[in-house]
């Protein structure tokens, strides 16, 4: 099983084939069983900003999970 940590603030990530920088990472405070996710998963809320010339100023908020 591969372990993937939540991205850190300031980290460059790729979502939907576009580069984004992580602005805010809000880690879930709920226990895994309460979220009914796959074993060992934790949900996180990420706020991202586009770093592409054509998308500067665009914001993306997404909910994800790590294992």
PDB file of N, CA and C in Angstrom:
ATOM      1  N   UNK A   1       0.850  -1.192   0.000  1.00  0.00           N
ATOM      2  CA  UNK A   1       0.000   0.000   0.000  1.00  0.00           C
ATOM      3  C   UNK A   1       0.880   1.234   0.000  1.00  0.00           C
ATOM      4  N   UNK A   2       0.606   2.175  -0.869  1.00  0.00           N
ATOM      5  CA  UNK A   2       1.364   3.412  -0.976  1.00  0.00           C
ATOM      6  C   UNK A   2       0.781   4.455  -0.029  1.00  0.00           C
ATOM      7  N   UNK A   3       1.665   5.177   0.656  1.00  0.00           N
ATOM      8  CA  UNK A   3       1.226   6.245   1.546  1.00  0.00           C
ATOM      9  C   UNK A   3       1.443   7.584   0.861  1.00  0.00           C
ATOM     10  N   UNK A   4       0.398   8.392   0.818  1.00  0.00           N
ATOM     11  CA  UNK A   4       0.481   9.707   0.211  1.00  0.00           C
ATOM     12  C   UNK A   4       0.098  10.741   1.262  1.00  0.00           C
ATOM     13  N   UNK A   5       0.991  11.664   1.530  1.00  0.00           N
ATOM     14  CA  UNK A   5       0.716  12.704   2.521  1.00  0.00           C
ATOM     15  C   UNK A   5      -0.026  13.863   1.853  1.00  0.00           C
ATOM     16  N   UNK A   6      -0.733  14.628   2.657  1.00  0.00           N
ATOM     17  CA  UNK A   6      -1.402  15.822   2.146  1.00  0.00           C
ATOM     18  C   UNK A   6      -0.346  16.812   1.688  1.00  0.00           C
ATOM     19  N   UNK A   7      -0.613  17.551   0.604  1.00  0.00           N
ATOM     20  CA  UNK A   7       0.351  18.563   0.156  1.00  0.00           C
ATOM     21  C   UNK A   7       0.522  19.642   1.215  1.00  0.00           C
ATOM     22  N   UNK A   8       1.652  20.307   1.189  1.00  0.00           N
ATOM     23  CA  UNK A   8       1.937  21.379   2.145  1.00  0.00           C
ATOM     24  C   UNK A   8       1.700  22.731   1.493  1.00  0.00           C
ATOM     25  N   UNK A   9       1.466  23.733   2.329  1.00  0.00           N
ATOM     26  CA  UNK A   9       1.273  25.092   1.836  1.00  0.00           C
ATOM     27  C   UNK A   9       2.515  25.518   1.061  1.00  0.00           C
ATOM     28  N   UNK A  10       2.305  26.106  -0.126  1.00  0.00           N
ATOM     29  CA  UNK A  10       3.405  26.552  -0.963  1.00  0.00           C
ATOM     30  C   UNK A  10       3.889  25.509  -1.957  1.00  0.00           C
ATOM     31  N   UNK A  11       3.424  24.285  -1.821  1.00  0.00           N
ATOM     32  CA  UNK A  11       3.856  23.207  -2.702  1.00  0.00           C
ATOM     33  C   UNK A  11       3.194  23.348  -4.065  1.00  0.00           C
ATOM     34  N   UNK A  12       3.937  23.039  -5.121  1.00  0.00           N
ATOM     35  CA  UNK A  12       3.407  23.049  -6.474  1.00  0.00           C
ATOM     36  C   UNK A  12       2.803  21.676  -6.760  1.00  0.00           C
ATOM     37  N   UNK A  13       1.548  21.658  -7.219  1.00  0.00           N
ATOM     38  CA  UNK A  13       0.860  20.401  -7.514  1.00  0.00           C
ATOM     39  C   UNK A  13       0.254  20.488  -8.909  1.00  0.00           C
ATOM     40  N   UNK A  14      -0.116  19.342  -9.457  1.00  0.00           N
ATOM     41  CA  UNK A  14      -0.763  19.301 -10.762  1.00  0.00           C
ATOM     42  C   UNK A  14      -2.156  18.714 -10.596  1.00  0.00           C
ATOM     43  N   UNK A  15      -3.169  19.476 -11.027  1.00  0.00           N
ATOM     44  CA  UNK A  15      -4.563  19.050 -10.964  1.00  0.00           C
ATOM     45  C   UNK A  15      -5.195  19.363 -12.309  1.00  0.00           C
ATOM     46  N   UNK A  16      -5.875  18.376 -12.872  1.00  0.00           N
ATOM     47  CA  UNK A  16      -6.517  18.557 -14.180  1.00  0.00           C
ATOM     48  C   UNK A  16      -5.516  19.010 -15.234  1.00  0.00           C
ATOM     49  N   UNK A  17      -4.323  18.449 -15.174  1.00  0.00           N
ATOM     50  CA  UNK A  17      -3.236  18.734 -16.131  1.00  0.00           C
ATOM     51  C   UNK A  17      -2.786  20.192 -16.121  1.00  0.00           C
ATOM     52  N   UNK A  18      -2.986  20.867 -15.002  1.00  0.00           N
ATOM     53  CA  UNK A  18      -2.546  22.263 -14.870  1.00  0.00           C
ATOM     54  C   UNK A  18      -1.778  22.424 -13.573  1.00  0.00           C
ATOM     55  N   UNK A  19      -0.768  23.323 -13.555  1.00  0.00           N
ATOM     56  CA  UNK A  19      -0.008  23.555 -12.327  1.00  0.00           C
ATOM     57  C   UNK A  19      -0.728  24.527 -11.388  1.00  0.00           C
ATOM     58  N   UNK A  20      -0.714  24.183 -10.097  1.00  0.00           N
ATOM     59  CA  UNK A  20      -1.341  24.993  -9.057  1.00  0.00           C
ATOM     60  C   UNK A  20      -0.393  25.068  -7.869  1.00  0.00           C
ATOM     61  N   UNK A  21      -0.501  26.123  -7.084  1.00  0.00           N
ATOM     62  CA  UNK A  21       0.239  26.206  -5.834  1.00  0.00           C
ATOM     63  C   UNK A  21      -0.773  26.072  -4.698  1.00  0.00           C
ATOM     64  N   UNK A  22      -0.391  25.338  -3.665  1.00  0.00           N
ATOM     65  CA  UNK A  22      -1.271  25.106  -2.519  1.00  0.00           C
ATOM     66  C   UNK A  22      -1.236  26.329  -1.606  1.00  0.00           C
ATOM     67  N   UNK A  23      -2.395  26.934  -1.377  1.00  0.00           N
ATOM     68  CA  UNK A  23      -2.495  28.095  -0.481  1.00  0.00           C
ATOM     69  C   UNK A  23      -2.855  27.683   0.939  1.00  0.00           C
ATOM     70  N   UNK A  24      -3.864  26.823   1.061  1.00  0.00           N
ATOM     71  CA  UNK A  24      -4.361  26.424   2.377  1.00  0.00           C
ATOM     72  C   UNK A  24      -4.598  24.921   2.384  1.00  0.00           C
ATOM     73  N   UNK A  25      -4.170  24.270   3.460  1.00  0.00           N
ATOM     74  CA  UNK A  25      -4.467  22.856   3.682  1.00  0.00           C
ATOM     75  C   UNK A  25      -5.184  22.760   5.016  1.00  0.00           C
ATOM     76  N   UNK A  26      -6.426  22.311   4.982  1.00  0.00           N
ATOM     77  CA  UNK A  26      -7.180  22.130   6.216  1.00  0.00           C
ATOM     78  C   UNK A  26      -7.364  20.634   6.418  1.00  0.00           C
ATOM     79  N   UNK A  27      -6.632  20.081   7.380  1.00  0.00           N
ATOM     80  CA  UNK A  27      -6.704  18.659   7.657  1.00  0.00           C
ATOM     81  C   UNK A  27      -7.983  18.337   8.418  1.00  0.00           C
ATOM     82  N   UNK A  28      -8.561  17.217   8.100  1.00  0.00           N
ATOM     83  CA  UNK A  28      -9.779  16.788   8.778  1.00  0.00           C
ATOM     84  C   UNK A  28      -9.481  16.449  10.228  1.00  0.00           C
ATOM     85  N   UNK A  29     -10.411  16.779  11.083  1.00  0.00           N
ATOM     86  CA  UNK A  29     -10.268  16.424  12.496  1.00  0.00           C
ATOM     87  C   UNK A  29     -11.169  15.240  12.856  1.00  0.00           C
ATOM     88  N   UNK A  30     -11.914  14.729  11.867  1.00  0.00           N
ATOM     89  CA  UNK A  30     -12.794  13.593  12.109  1.00  0.00           C
ATOM     90  C   UNK A  30     -12.001  12.289  12.064  1.00  0.00           C
ATOM     91  N   UNK A  31     -12.368  11.326  12.884  1.00  0.00           N
ATOM     92  CA  UNK A  31     -11.720  10.016  12.802  1.00  0.00           C
ATOM     93  C   UNK A  31     -12.151   9.314  11.510  1.00  0.00           C
ATOM     94  N   UNK A  32     -11.291   8.476  10.978  1.00  0.00           N
ATOM     95  CA  UNK A  32     -11.562   7.787   9.715  1.00  0.00           C
ATOM     96  C   UNK A  32     -12.908   7.070   9.695  1.00  0.00           C
ATOM     97  N   UNK A  33     -13.294   6.317  10.736  1.00  0.00           N
ATOM     98  CA  UNK A  33     -14.590   5.615  10.669  1.00  0.00           C
ATOM     99  C   UNK A  33     -15.785   6.563  10.503  1.00  0.00           C
ATOM    100  N   UNK A  34     -15.690   7.766  11.010  1.00  0.00           N
ATOM    101  CA  UNK A  34     -16.798   8.716  10.902  1.00  0.00           C
ATOM    102  C   UNK A  34     -16.994   9.186   9.466  1.00  0.00           C
ATOM    103  N   UNK A  35     -15.939   9.108   8.656  1.00  0.00           N
ATOM    104  CA  UNK A  35     -16.022   9.583   7.280  1.00  0.00           C
ATOM    105  C   UNK A  35     -16.386   8.471   6.300  1.00  0.00           C
ATOM    106  N   UNK A  36     -16.410   7.213   6.761  1.00  0.00           N
ATOM    107  CA  UNK A  36     -16.771   6.065   5.928  1.00  0.00           C
ATOM    108  C   UNK A  36     -15.969   6.023   4.635  1.00  0.00           C
ATOM    109  N   UNK A  37     -14.668   6.178   4.755  1.00  0.00           N
ATOM    110  CA  UNK A  37     -13.768   6.114   3.605  1.00  0.00           C
ATOM    111  C   UNK A  37     -12.990   4.814   3.630  1.00  0.00           C
ATOM    112  N   UNK A  38     -12.246   4.534   2.571  1.00  0.00           N
ATOM    113  CA  UNK A  38     -11.399   3.338   2.591  1.00  0.00           C
ATOM    114  C   UNK A  38     -10.481   3.337   3.811  1.00  0.00           C
ATOM    115  N   UNK A  39     -10.115   2.170   4.237  1.00  0.00           N
ATOM    116  CA  UNK A  39      -9.284   2.015   5.436  1.00  0.00           C
ATOM    117  C   UNK A  39      -8.048   2.909   5.369  1.00  0.00           C
ATOM    118  N   UNK A  40      -7.811   3.649   6.444  1.00  0.00           N
ATOM    119  CA  UNK A  40      -6.621   4.486   6.548  1.00  0.00           C
ATOM    120  C   UNK A  40      -6.693   5.800   5.819  1.00  0.00           C
ATOM    121  N   UNK A  41      -7.840   6.194   5.309  1.00  0.00           N
ATOM    122  CA  UNK A  41      -7.951   7.433   4.546  1.00  0.00           C
ATOM    123  C   UNK A  41      -8.373   8.587   5.434  1.00  0.00           C
ATOM    124  N   UNK A  42      -7.937   9.772   5.075  1.00  0.00           N
ATOM    125  CA  UNK A  42      -8.296  10.984   5.801  1.00  0.00           C
ATOM    126  C   UNK A  42      -8.630  12.051   4.783  1.00  0.00           C
ATOM    127  N   UNK A  43      -9.744  12.757   4.956  1.00  0.00           N
ATOM    128  CA  UNK A  43     -10.117  13.819   4.031  1.00  0.00           C
ATOM    129  C   UNK A  43      -9.423  15.109   4.410  1.00  0.00           C
ATOM    130  N   UNK A  44      -9.096  15.896   3.383  1.00  0.00           N
ATOM    131  CA  UNK A  44      -8.478  17.197   3.572  1.00  0.00           C
ATOM    132  C   UNK A  44      -9.135  18.177   2.612  1.00  0.00           C
ATOM    133  N   UNK A  45      -9.195  19.442   2.996  1.00  0.00           N
ATOM    134  CA  UNK A  45      -9.723  20.495   2.144  1.00  0.00           C
ATOM    135  C   UNK A  45      -8.547  21.337   1.685  1.00  0.00           C
ATOM    136  N   UNK A  46      -8.395  21.472   0.358  1.00  0.00           N
ATOM    137  CA  UNK A  46      -7.266  22.208  -0.205  1.00  0.00           C
ATOM    138  C   UNK A  46      -7.769  23.422  -0.970  1.00  0.00           C
ATOM    139  N   UNK A  47      -7.087  24.546  -0.813  1.00  0.00           N
ATOM    140  CA  UNK A  47      -7.341  25.728  -1.614  1.00  0.00           C
ATOM    141  C   UNK A  47      -6.109  25.957  -2.473  1.00  0.00           C
ATOM    142  N   UNK A  48      -6.306  25.992  -3.793  1.00  0.00           N
ATOM    143  CA  UNK A  48      -5.201  26.104  -4.739  1.00  0.00           C
ATOM    144  C   UNK A  48      -5.346  27.364  -5.577  1.00  0.00           C
ATOM    145  N   UNK A  49      -4.205  27.903  -6.047  1.00  0.00           N
ATOM    146  CA  UNK A  49      -4.195  29.039  -6.969  1.00  0.00           C
ATOM    147  C   UNK A  49      -3.420  28.654  -8.214  1.00  0.00           C
ATOM    148  N   UNK A  50      -3.950  29.007  -9.365  1.00  0.00           N
ATOM    149  CA  UNK A  50      -3.297  28.686 -10.627  1.00  0.00           C
ATOM    150  C   UNK A  50      -2.006  29.482 -10.779  1.00  0.00           C
ATOM    151  N   UNK A  51      -1.006  28.849 -11.372  1.00  0.00           N
ATOM    152  CA  UNK A  51       0.259  29.549 -11.643  1.00  0.00           C
ATOM    153  C   UNK A  51       0.510  29.647 -13.146  1.00  0.00           C
ATOM    154  N   UNK A  52      -0.484  29.295 -13.959  1.00  0.00           N
ATOM    155  CA  UNK A  52      -0.366  29.440 -15.406  1.00  0.00           C
ATOM    156  C   UNK A  52      -0.605  30.894 -15.801  1.00  0.00           C
ATOM    157  N   UNK A  53       0.054  31.328 -16.861  1.00  0.00           N
ATOM    158  CA  UNK A  53      -0.132  32.695 -17.347  1.00  0.00           C
ATOM    159  C   UNK A  53      -1.591  32.966 -17.690  1.00  0.00           C
ATOM    160  N   UNK A  54      -2.250  32.002 -18.334  1.00  0.00           N
ATOM    161  CA  UNK A  54      -3.643  32.183 -18.741  1.00  0.00           C
ATOM    162  C   UNK A  54      -4.630  32.051 -17.585  1.00  0.00           C
ATOM    163  N   UNK A  55      -4.173  31.527 -16.437  1.00  0.00           N
ATOM    164  CA  UNK A  55      -5.092  31.275 -15.342  1.00  0.00           C
ATOM    165  C   UNK A  55      -4.738  31.983 -14.054  1.00  0.00           C
ATOM    166  N   UNK A  56      -3.842  32.973 -14.112  1.00  0.00           N
ATOM    167  CA  UNK A  56      -3.454  33.671 -12.882  1.00  0.00           C
ATOM    168  C   UNK A  56      -4.676  34.244 -12.181  1.00  0.00           C
ATOM    169  N   UNK A  57      -4.765  34.030 -10.906  1.00  0.00           N
ATOM    170  CA  UNK A  57      -5.883  34.526 -10.122  1.00  0.00           C
ATOM    171  C   UNK A  57      -7.004  33.516  -9.955  1.00  0.00           C
ATOM    172  N   UNK A  58      -6.977  32.435 -10.749  1.00  0.00           N
ATOM    173  CA  UNK A  58      -7.996  31.404 -10.598  1.00  0.00           C
ATOM    174  C   UNK A  58      -7.769  30.631  -9.315  1.00  0.00           C
ATOM    175  N   UNK A  59      -8.849  30.282  -8.661  1.00  0.00           N
ATOM    176  CA  UNK A  59      -8.788  29.557  -7.397  1.00  0.00           C
ATOM    177  C   UNK A  59      -9.554  28.252  -7.547  1.00  0.00           C
ATOM    178  N   UNK A  60      -9.042  27.206  -6.918  1.00  0.00           N
ATOM    179  CA  UNK A  60      -9.684  25.907  -6.953  1.00  0.00           C
ATOM    180  C   UNK A  60      -9.730  25.369  -5.532  1.00  0.00           C
ATOM    181  N   UNK A  61     -10.903  24.984  -5.087  1.00  0.00           N
ATOM    182  CA  UNK A  61     -11.058  24.389  -3.756  1.00  0.00           C
ATOM    183  C   UNK A  61     -11.498  22.955  -3.967  1.00  0.00           C
ATOM    184  N   UNK A  62     -10.757  22.031  -3.386  1.00  0.00           N
ATOM    185  CA  UNK A  62     -11.129  20.642  -3.563  1.00  0.00           C
ATOM    186  C   UNK A  62     -10.967  19.852  -2.297  1.00  0.00           C
ATOM    187  N   UNK A  63     -11.758  18.800  -2.217  1.00  0.00           N
ATOM    188  CA  UNK A  63     -11.720  17.890  -1.088  1.00  0.00           C
ATOM    189  C   UNK A  63     -11.038  16.629  -1.584  1.00  0.00           C
ATOM    190  N   UNK A  64     -10.061  16.181  -0.850  1.00  0.00           N
ATOM    191  CA  UNK A  64      -9.354  14.983  -1.248  1.00  0.00           C
ATOM    192  C   UNK A  64      -9.097  14.104  -0.045  1.00  0.00           C
ATOM    193  N   UNK A  65      -8.464  12.981  -0.298  1.00  0.00           N
ATOM    194  CA  UNK A  65      -8.102  12.132   0.823  1.00  0.00           C
ATOM    195  C   UNK A  65      -6.725  11.552   0.589  1.00  0.00           C
ATOM    196  N   UNK A  66      -6.067  11.225   1.676  1.00  0.00           N
ATOM    197  CA  UNK A  66      -4.757  10.597   1.622  1.00  0.00           C
ATOM    198  C   UNK A  66      -4.862   9.243   2.284  1.00  0.00           C
ATOM    199  N   UNK A  67      -3.933   8.404   1.946  1.00  0.00           N
ATOM    200  CA  UNK A  67      -3.906   7.078   2.574  1.00  0.00           C
ATOM    201  C   UNK A  67      -2.728   6.974   3.493  1.00  0.00           C
TER     202      UNK A  67
END
